Amino acid sequence: MGGFGTLLYVTNQGSDSVSVISTITNAVIATIPVGNTPKGVAVGGLGTRLYVVNADSDTMSVINTDTYAVLRTVPVGANPGGMAVSPDGKSVYVTSQNDDTVTAIGT
């Protein structure tokens, strides 16, 4: 959930993308291509960044929530599945199932 509750971010594993859906109109307002098999999302940076883990490409996509542009793609461990943004918003922690690692990424 982003945009102060007015936006919903949904991963589309079949099309390797994330849909941005307005919770007011229920319309898809953007579709963002990301890595292979996106699994999870987290919002950080006071709502200005969307983080998406891509399980089959072993990456995390960093997206600008104003422009819906992918700012960077960060390599992480094998088969990432979960993530959390630190309370201060300065780090994202990504768990990877196949190699039992946690990757810390500075935002």
C-alpha atoms as a PDB file:
ATOM      1  CA  MET A   1       0.000   0.000   0.000  1.00  0.00           C
ATOM      2  CA  GLY A   2       1.366   3.444  -0.854  1.00  0.00           C
ATOM      3  CA  GLY A   3       0.252   6.957  -1.668  1.00  0.00           C
ATOM      4  CA  PHE A   4      -1.150   7.386   1.837  1.00  0.00           C
ATOM      5  CA  GLY A   5      -3.534   4.478   1.270  1.00  0.00           C
ATOM      6  CA  THR A   6      -4.671   5.471  -2.221  1.00  0.00           C
ATOM      7  CA  LEU A   7      -2.340   3.156  -4.158  1.00  0.00           C
ATOM      8  CA  LEU A   8      -1.914  -0.596  -4.099  1.00  0.00           C
ATOM      9  CA  TYR A   9       1.193  -2.316  -5.503  1.00  0.00           C
ATOM     10  CA  VAL A  10       0.635  -5.847  -6.849  1.00  0.00           C
ATOM     11  CA  THR A  11       3.304  -8.204  -8.212  1.00  0.00           C
ATOM     12  CA  ASN A  12       2.542 -10.031 -11.460  1.00  0.00           C
ATOM     13  CA  GLN A  13       4.755 -13.116 -11.588  1.00  0.00           C
ATOM     14  CA  GLY A  14       3.513 -14.185 -15.022  1.00  0.00           C
ATOM     15  CA  SER A  15       4.434 -10.902 -16.704  1.00  0.00           C
ATOM     16  CA  ASP A  16       7.412  -9.939 -14.490  1.00  0.00           C
ATOM     17  CA  SER A  17       5.864  -6.619 -13.558  1.00  0.00           C
ATOM     18  CA  VAL A  18       4.225  -4.637 -10.776  1.00  0.00           C
ATOM     19  CA  SER A  19       0.788  -3.066 -11.217  1.00  0.00           C
ATOM     20  CA  VAL A  20      -0.058   0.211  -9.509  1.00  0.00           C
ATOM     21  CA  ILE A  21      -3.774   0.256  -8.687  1.00  0.00           C
ATOM     22  CA  SER A  22      -5.804   3.221  -7.470  1.00  0.00           C
ATOM     23  CA  THR A  23      -7.825   2.226  -4.407  1.00  0.00           C
ATOM     24  CA  ILE A  24     -10.209   5.079  -5.214  1.00  0.00           C
ATOM     25  CA  THR A  25     -11.101   4.042  -8.784  1.00  0.00           C
ATOM     26  CA  ASN A  26      -9.893   0.401  -8.734  1.00  0.00           C
ATOM     27  CA  ALA A  27      -8.099   1.157 -12.013  1.00  0.00           C
ATOM     28  CA  VAL A  28      -4.579   0.081 -12.951  1.00  0.00           C
ATOM     29  CA  ILE A  29      -2.718   3.359 -13.392  1.00  0.00           C
ATOM     30  CA  ALA A  30       0.720   1.943 -14.247  1.00  0.00           C
ATOM     31  CA  THR A  31       2.465  -1.334 -14.975  1.00  0.00           C
ATOM     32  CA  ILE A  32       6.179  -1.394 -14.193  1.00  0.00           C
ATOM     33  CA  PRO A  33       8.497  -4.021 -15.729  1.00  0.00           C
ATOM     34  CA  VAL A  34      10.830  -5.538 -13.112  1.00  0.00           C
ATOM     35  CA  GLY A  35      12.989  -8.684 -12.815  1.00  0.00           C
ATOM     36  CA  ASN A  36      11.940 -12.304 -13.192  1.00  0.00           C
ATOM     37  CA  THR A  37       9.181 -13.560 -10.877  1.00  0.00           C
ATOM     38  CA  PRO A  38       8.556 -10.579  -8.585  1.00  0.00           C
ATOM     39  CA  LYS A  39       7.501 -11.882  -5.170  1.00  0.00           C
ATOM     40  CA  GLY A  40       7.214  -9.091  -2.661  1.00  0.00           C
ATOM     41  CA  VAL A  41       7.032  -5.335  -2.292  1.00  0.00           C
ATOM     42  CA  ALA A  42       7.874  -2.810   0.400  1.00  0.00           C
ATOM     43  CA  VAL A  43       7.434   0.955   0.459  1.00  0.00           C
ATOM     44  CA  GLY A  44      10.144   3.170   1.942  1.00  0.00           C
ATOM     45  CA  GLY A  45      11.640   6.626   1.766  1.00  0.00           C
ATOM     46  CA  LEU A  46       8.498   8.264   3.156  1.00  0.00           C
ATOM     47  CA  GLY A  47       6.557   6.693   0.310  1.00  0.00           C
ATOM     48  CA  THR A  48       8.929   7.811  -2.462  1.00  0.00           C
ATOM     49  CA  ARG A  49      10.492   4.397  -3.121  1.00  0.00           C
ATOM     50  CA  LEU A  50       9.066   0.989  -3.916  1.00  0.00           C
ATOM     51  CA  TYR A  51      11.279  -2.063  -3.412  1.00  0.00           C
ATOM     52  CA  VAL A  52      10.485  -5.296  -5.279  1.00  0.00           C
ATOM     53  CA  VAL A  53      12.277  -8.637  -4.854  1.00  0.00           C
ATOM     54  CA  ASN A  54      12.594 -10.714  -8.019  1.00  0.00           C
ATOM     55  CA  ALA A  55      12.950 -14.397  -7.107  1.00  0.00           C
ATOM     56  CA  ASP A  56      14.203 -15.876 -10.371  1.00  0.00           C
ATOM     57  CA  SER A  57      16.671 -13.101 -11.213  1.00  0.00           C
ATOM     58  CA  ASP A  58      18.061 -12.845  -7.647  1.00  0.00           C
ATOM     59  CA  THR A  59      17.624  -9.074  -7.620  1.00  0.00           C
ATOM     60  CA  MET A  60      15.745  -6.241  -5.972  1.00  0.00           C
ATOM     61  CA  SER A  61      14.284  -3.428  -8.094  1.00  0.00           C
ATOM     62  CA  VAL A  62      14.195   0.104  -6.671  1.00  0.00           C
ATOM     63  CA  ILE A  63      11.342   2.171  -8.135  1.00  0.00           C
ATOM     64  CA  ASN A  64      10.533   5.886  -7.896  1.00  0.00           C
ATOM     65  CA  THR A  65       6.868   6.056  -6.819  1.00  0.00           C
ATOM     66  CA  ASP A  66       6.363   9.463  -8.461  1.00  0.00           C
ATOM     67  CA  THR A  67       7.548   8.483 -11.958  1.00  0.00           C
ATOM     68  CA  TYR A  68       7.229   4.659 -11.739  1.00  0.00           C
ATOM     69  CA  ALA A  69      10.749   4.407 -13.187  1.00  0.00           C
ATOM     70  CA  VAL A  70      13.139   1.673 -12.079  1.00  0.00           C
ATOM     71  CA  LEU A  71      16.052   3.588 -10.552  1.00  0.00           C
ATOM     72  CA  ARG A  72      18.353   0.616 -10.056  1.00  0.00           C
ATOM     73  CA  THR A  73      18.458  -3.146  -9.855  1.00  0.00           C
ATOM     74  CA  VAL A  74      20.490  -4.598  -6.992  1.00  0.00           C
ATOM     75  CA  PRO A  75      21.861  -8.158  -6.883  1.00  0.00           C
ATOM     76  CA  VAL A  76      20.846 -10.112  -3.763  1.00  0.00           C
ATOM     77  CA  GLY A  77      21.057 -13.757  -2.637  1.00  0.00           C
ATOM     78  CA  ALA A  78      19.495 -16.752  -4.371  1.00  0.00           C
ATOM     79  CA  ASN A  79      15.684 -16.789  -4.551  1.00  0.00           C
ATOM     80  CA  PRO A  80      14.818 -13.685  -2.523  1.00  0.00           C
ATOM     81  CA  GLY A  81      11.419 -13.825  -0.921  1.00  0.00           C
ATOM     82  CA  GLY A  82      11.047 -11.384   1.926  1.00  0.00           C
ATOM     83  CA  MET A  83      12.244  -7.923   2.820  1.00  0.00           C
ATOM     84  CA  ALA A  84      11.893  -5.181   5.361  1.00  0.00           C
ATOM     85  CA  VAL A  85      12.741  -1.491   5.383  1.00  0.00           C
ATOM     86  CA  SER A  86      14.544  -0.298   8.509  1.00  0.00           C
ATOM     87  CA  PRO A  87      12.573   2.064  10.776  1.00  0.00           C
ATOM     88  CA  ASP A  88      14.827   4.981   9.812  1.00  0.00           C
ATOM     89  CA  GLY A  89      14.400   4.142   6.090  1.00  0.00           C
ATOM     90  CA  LYS A  90      18.158   3.991   5.499  1.00  0.00           C
ATOM     91  CA  SER A  91      18.381   0.256   4.757  1.00  0.00           C
ATOM     92  CA  VAL A  92      16.424  -2.549   3.141  1.00  0.00           C
ATOM     93  CA  TYR A  93      17.009  -6.122   4.307  1.00  0.00           C
ATOM     94  CA  VAL A  94      16.310  -8.927   1.829  1.00  0.00           C
ATOM     95  CA  THR A  95      16.071 -12.588   2.834  1.00  0.00           C
ATOM     96  CA  SER A  96      17.068 -15.266   0.344  1.00  0.00           C
ATOM     97  CA  GLN A  97      15.755 -18.797   0.671  1.00  0.00           C
ATOM     98  CA  ASN A  98      18.191 -20.847  -1.393  1.00  0.00           C
ATOM     99  CA  ASP A  99      21.396 -19.665   0.277  1.00  0.00           C
ATOM    100  CA  ASP A 100      20.031 -18.700   3.714  1.00  0.00           C
ATOM    101  CA  THR A 101      21.329 -15.131   3.552  1.00  0.00           C
ATOM    102  CA  VAL A 102      20.143 -11.653   4.412  1.00  0.00           C
ATOM    103  CA  THR A 103      21.385  -8.832   2.191  1.00  0.00           C
ATOM    104  CA  ALA A 104      21.522  -5.314   3.665  1.00  0.00           C
ATOM    105  CA  ILE A 105      21.165  -2.553   1.085  1.00  0.00           C
ATOM    106  CA  GLY A 106      21.631   1.143   1.769  1.00  0.00           C
ATOM    107  CA  THR A 107      18.862   3.278   0.399  1.00  0.00           C
END
